[in-house]
Amino acid sequence: DVQFNNFDAFDDAADGNAQGEDKVHVRVQQRNGRKCITTVAGLADDLDVKRICKAFKKNFSCNGAVQKDEDAGEVIQLSGDQRTNVKSFLVDQEICLNDSIVLHGF
């Protein structure tokens, strides 16, 4: 008999709020053509999400908005693929630790 390891890739995503540290998820969603948007979800509740979005827009020279989401709370949307910029900004400004940021997408 062949025994496969029972590794579930989405196992940690399901119980994100169970462990003490919450992950910050940075995703890229494809729009029409070569346009895409970057979403930043899972930032701590005590942070001023509006001010972080304003800093993103100023530093990355892109448009952005703060959307309310039932599951993820407040989600920042940025135009363009800003995944690496967002990660380096959050680490440089000491908003999040490097380990707690998860980059998703192609």
C-alpha atoms as a PDB file:
ATOM      1  CA  ASP A   1       0.000   0.000   0.000  1.00  0.00           C
ATOM      2  CA  VAL A   2       1.143   3.525  -0.841  1.00  0.00           C
ATOM      3  CA  GLN A   3       0.836   5.950   2.060  1.00  0.00           C
ATOM      4  CA  PHE A   4       0.508   9.645   1.151  1.00  0.00           C
ATOM      5  CA  ASN A   5       1.197  12.287   3.758  1.00  0.00           C
ATOM      6  CA  ASN A   6      -2.013  14.001   4.821  1.00  0.00           C
ATOM      7  CA  PHE A   7      -0.814  17.590   4.396  1.00  0.00           C
ATOM      8  CA  ASP A   8      -3.613  20.144   4.030  1.00  0.00           C
ATOM      9  CA  ALA A   9      -2.353  23.365   2.433  1.00  0.00           C
ATOM     10  CA  PHE A  10      -5.370  25.324   3.676  1.00  0.00           C
ATOM     11  CA  ASP A  11      -5.253  23.924   7.199  1.00  0.00           C
ATOM     12  CA  ASP A  12      -3.634  27.014   8.727  1.00  0.00           C
ATOM     13  CA  ALA A  13      -5.916  29.449   6.863  1.00  0.00           C
ATOM     14  CA  ALA A  14      -9.097  28.006   8.395  1.00  0.00           C
ATOM     15  CA  ASP A  15      -8.201  28.660  12.040  1.00  0.00           C
ATOM     16  CA  GLY A  16      -6.410  31.978  11.554  1.00  0.00           C
ATOM     17  CA  ASN A  17      -7.909  33.534  14.706  1.00  0.00           C
ATOM     18  CA  ALA A  18      -7.235  30.462  16.858  1.00  0.00           C
ATOM     19  CA  GLN A  19      -3.559  31.121  17.490  1.00  0.00           C
ATOM     20  CA  GLY A  20      -2.268  34.254  19.213  1.00  0.00           C
ATOM     21  CA  GLU A  21      -0.662  35.986  16.234  1.00  0.00           C
ATOM     22  CA  ASP A  22      -2.853  36.971  13.313  1.00  0.00           C
ATOM     23  CA  LYS A  23      -1.433  36.861   9.814  1.00  0.00           C
ATOM     24  CA  VAL A  24      -1.625  39.791   7.414  1.00  0.00           C
ATOM     25  CA  HIS A  25      -2.683  38.506   3.982  1.00  0.00           C
ATOM     26  CA  VAL A  26      -1.496  40.405   0.889  1.00  0.00           C
ATOM     27  CA  ARG A  27      -3.259  39.139  -2.242  1.00  0.00           C
ATOM     28  CA  VAL A  28      -3.382  40.097  -5.924  1.00  0.00           C
ATOM     29  CA  GLN A  29      -6.661  39.832  -7.831  1.00  0.00           C
ATOM     30  CA  GLN A  30      -6.727  39.977 -11.619  1.00  0.00           C
ATOM     31  CA  ARG A  31      -9.053  42.523 -13.198  1.00  0.00           C
ATOM     32  CA  ASN A  32      -9.631  42.955 -16.925  1.00  0.00           C
ATOM     33  CA  GLY A  33      -6.632  42.717 -19.240  1.00  0.00           C
ATOM     34  CA  ARG A  34      -3.337  43.341 -17.457  1.00  0.00           C
ATOM     35  CA  LYS A  35      -4.927  45.349 -14.649  1.00  0.00           C
ATOM     36  CA  CYS A  36      -4.883  43.974 -11.117  1.00  0.00           C
ATOM     37  CA  ILE A  37      -5.563  45.088  -7.567  1.00  0.00           C
ATOM     38  CA  THR A  38      -3.688  44.313  -4.346  1.00  0.00           C
ATOM     39  CA  THR A  39      -5.701  43.637  -1.186  1.00  0.00           C
ATOM     40  CA  VAL A  40      -4.261  43.824   2.336  1.00  0.00           C
ATOM     41  CA  ALA A  41      -6.394  42.003   4.925  1.00  0.00           C
ATOM     42  CA  GLY A  42      -5.879  40.983   8.540  1.00  0.00           C
ATOM     43  CA  LEU A  43      -4.293  44.144   9.945  1.00  0.00           C
ATOM     44  CA  ALA A  44      -4.716  44.561  13.705  1.00  0.00           C
ATOM     45  CA  ASP A  45      -7.911  46.275  14.858  1.00  0.00           C
ATOM     46  CA  ASP A  46      -6.084  48.930  16.891  1.00  0.00           C
ATOM     47  CA  LEU A  47      -4.245  50.232  13.795  1.00  0.00           C
ATOM     48  CA  ASP A  48      -5.501  53.283  11.879  1.00  0.00           C
ATOM     49  CA  VAL A  49      -6.218  51.531   8.565  1.00  0.00           C
ATOM     50  CA  LYS A  50      -7.180  54.784   6.841  1.00  0.00           C
ATOM     51  CA  ARG A  51      -3.813  56.375   7.631  1.00  0.00           C
ATOM     52  CA  ILE A  52      -1.922  53.261   6.486  1.00  0.00           C
ATOM     53  CA  CYS A  53      -3.884  53.336   3.211  1.00  0.00           C
ATOM     54  CA  LYS A  54      -3.016  57.022   2.782  1.00  0.00           C
ATOM     55  CA  ALA A  55       0.683  56.243   3.328  1.00  0.00           C
ATOM     56  CA  PHE A  56       0.510  53.369   0.801  1.00  0.00           C
ATOM     57  CA  LYS A  57      -1.035  55.690  -1.794  1.00  0.00           C
ATOM     58  CA  LYS A  58       1.571  58.386  -1.220  1.00  0.00           C
ATOM     59  CA  ASN A  59       4.611  56.056  -1.187  1.00  0.00           C
ATOM     60  CA  PHE A  60       3.631  53.741  -4.044  1.00  0.00           C
ATOM     61  CA  SER A  61       2.011  56.443  -6.274  1.00  0.00           C
ATOM     62  CA  CYS A  62      -1.157  54.384  -6.729  1.00  0.00           C
ATOM     63  CA  ASN A  63      -4.827  54.724  -5.896  1.00  0.00           C
ATOM     64  CA  GLY A  64      -6.349  52.897  -2.932  1.00  0.00           C
ATOM     65  CA  ALA A  65      -9.454  52.469  -0.815  1.00  0.00           C
ATOM     66  CA  VAL A  66     -10.507  50.947   2.506  1.00  0.00           C
ATOM     67  CA  GLN A  67     -13.343  48.416   2.159  1.00  0.00           C
ATOM     68  CA  LYS A  68     -15.396  46.960   5.004  1.00  0.00           C
ATOM     69  CA  ASP A  69     -15.595  43.155   4.932  1.00  0.00           C
ATOM     70  CA  GLU A  70     -17.624  40.901   7.244  1.00  0.00           C
ATOM     71  CA  ASP A  71     -14.954  38.176   7.489  1.00  0.00           C
ATOM     72  CA  ALA A  72     -11.696  40.139   7.320  1.00  0.00           C
ATOM     73  CA  GLY A  73     -12.747  43.443   8.909  1.00  0.00           C
ATOM     74  CA  GLU A  74     -11.217  46.407   7.091  1.00  0.00           C
ATOM     75  CA  VAL A  75      -9.418  45.554   3.838  1.00  0.00           C
ATOM     76  CA  ILE A  76      -7.106  47.937   1.966  1.00  0.00           C
ATOM     77  CA  GLN A  77      -7.390  47.808  -1.841  1.00  0.00           C
ATOM     78  CA  LEU A  78      -4.539  49.208  -3.946  1.00  0.00           C
ATOM     79  CA  SER A  79      -4.384  49.509  -7.716  1.00  0.00           C
ATOM     80  CA  GLY A  80      -1.578  47.545  -9.361  1.00  0.00           C
ATOM     81  CA  ASP A  81       0.622  44.717  -8.090  1.00  0.00           C
ATOM     82  CA  GLN A  82       2.012  46.208  -4.858  1.00  0.00           C
ATOM     83  CA  ARG A  83       2.709  42.984  -2.926  1.00  0.00           C
ATOM     84  CA  THR A  84       6.461  43.445  -2.395  1.00  0.00           C
ATOM     85  CA  ASN A  85       6.043  47.190  -1.717  1.00  0.00           C
ATOM     86  CA  VAL A  86       3.378  46.513   0.927  1.00  0.00           C
ATOM     87  CA  LYS A  87       5.487  43.844   2.646  1.00  0.00           C
ATOM     88  CA  SER A  88       8.632  45.991   2.798  1.00  0.00           C
ATOM     89  CA  PHE A  89       6.628  49.036   3.979  1.00  0.00           C
ATOM     90  CA  LEU A  90       4.896  47.128   6.794  1.00  0.00           C
ATOM     91  CA  VAL A  91       8.222  45.691   7.982  1.00  0.00           C
ATOM     92  CA  ASP A  92      10.153  48.997   7.679  1.00  0.00           C
ATOM     93  CA  GLN A  93       7.530  50.995   9.575  1.00  0.00           C
ATOM     94  CA  GLU A  94       7.376  48.195  12.200  1.00  0.00           C
ATOM     95  CA  ILE A  95       3.623  47.780  11.733  1.00  0.00           C
ATOM     96  CA  CYS A  96       3.967  43.982  11.367  1.00  0.00           C
ATOM     97  CA  LEU A  97       6.662  41.385  11.782  1.00  0.00           C
ATOM     98  CA  ASN A  98       8.151  39.794   8.668  1.00  0.00           C
ATOM     99  CA  ASP A  99       6.890  36.336   9.730  1.00  0.00           C
ATOM    100  CA  SER A 100       3.257  37.466  10.105  1.00  0.00           C
ATOM    101  CA  ILE A 101       2.915  38.705   6.495  1.00  0.00           C
ATOM    102  CA  VAL A 102       1.724  36.166   3.916  1.00  0.00           C
ATOM    103  CA  LEU A 103       2.017  36.976   0.196  1.00  0.00           C
ATOM    104  CA  HIS A 104      -0.553  35.275  -2.067  1.00  0.00           C
ATOM    105  CA  GLY A 105      -0.960  35.178  -5.851  1.00  0.00           C
ATOM    106  CA  PHE A 106       1.088  34.280  -8.884  1.00  0.00           C
END
